[in-house]
Amino acid sequence: MVKTSYGHSFWRHIVACFNTTRDLYKISVHSGAKISFLFDTWSGRKPLKELGPSIFKLSTRKEGSLSDYIIQTTQGSDWFIPFSRDPRTTEMQELLQLLQNVGTSPPTLDVLEDTIKWPFTKNGVYTVKTTYDHLLQSVGAGLFRQLSPHLFKVGIVEAYQKMARKFGTLYLQQCHGESGMKGIDECSTTNPSPRGPYL
C-alpha cells in the first residue's frame, strides 16, 4: 500500500477519473462474446449496472457477455435476462427503462470480434496524455493543479492495467519518454491479455 501526503482522497479522485474515462470508450458490437452485458458501456452513456441497480441485483448472470443475454426464437433473436425472482412492481419501471436503453430487439451479431476505440486519438488507441487533457477540460484544471502529475499518471496507468488484465482485449504498454504527461502510455489491441473474456 502506497502512503502519500494526499491521503485516501487522492486515490478516490484517481478512481473517479478512471470511471469517467472508462465510459468514454466507443464499443462496436460484433460477436458480443467479449462485451459484458452489465459492466461495459456498449449501449448509451453508462453501464447497465448503473442504469438499473435493482435489476443488476436480481440478475443471475452478472458476469455474462452480451451474447449470453440473447437467444434465438422462431421470430428471430430476443433478449433473455434471467432473474433470481420475478421483478416487483417497483422494479418493473427500472426494467422498462433498461430495455428502452438497449432496444426492444437485440443487436444483430456476426462472427467478427468486438472492438473498442478511444475517441480522442485518430487511430483509436488509448493514451494517458489525451486522458489528462480531457479531464482538465471536463473536470477542471484546479483539481489537477493540486495533484502531482506523476502520481496521477502512475495511478491512471495502474488502473487501466488492472482493467486490461480483467477485461482481456486491452493491453497497456508503457512508453518511456519525457517526464510528466508528455510520456505517452498506449493501449494496444494487438496484444490481448489471456485473462478475462470482456472488453
Foldseek 3Di string as FASTA:
>chain_A
DDDDPVPPVVLVVLVVLLQQQQLQKAKDAAQQFAAQQAQHNHFPRHGLCVLQVVLCVFFPCRRGTLNVQWDADPVGIFGHTDGPDDDDPVRVVSVVVSCVRCDRGHDDHHDDDMDIFRPQDPVRKDKVLSSVVVCCVPVHVVVVVVPDQVVSVVSNVVVVCVVQQARWQWDKDFADDDPGRVRIIITDSVDTHPHYRYD
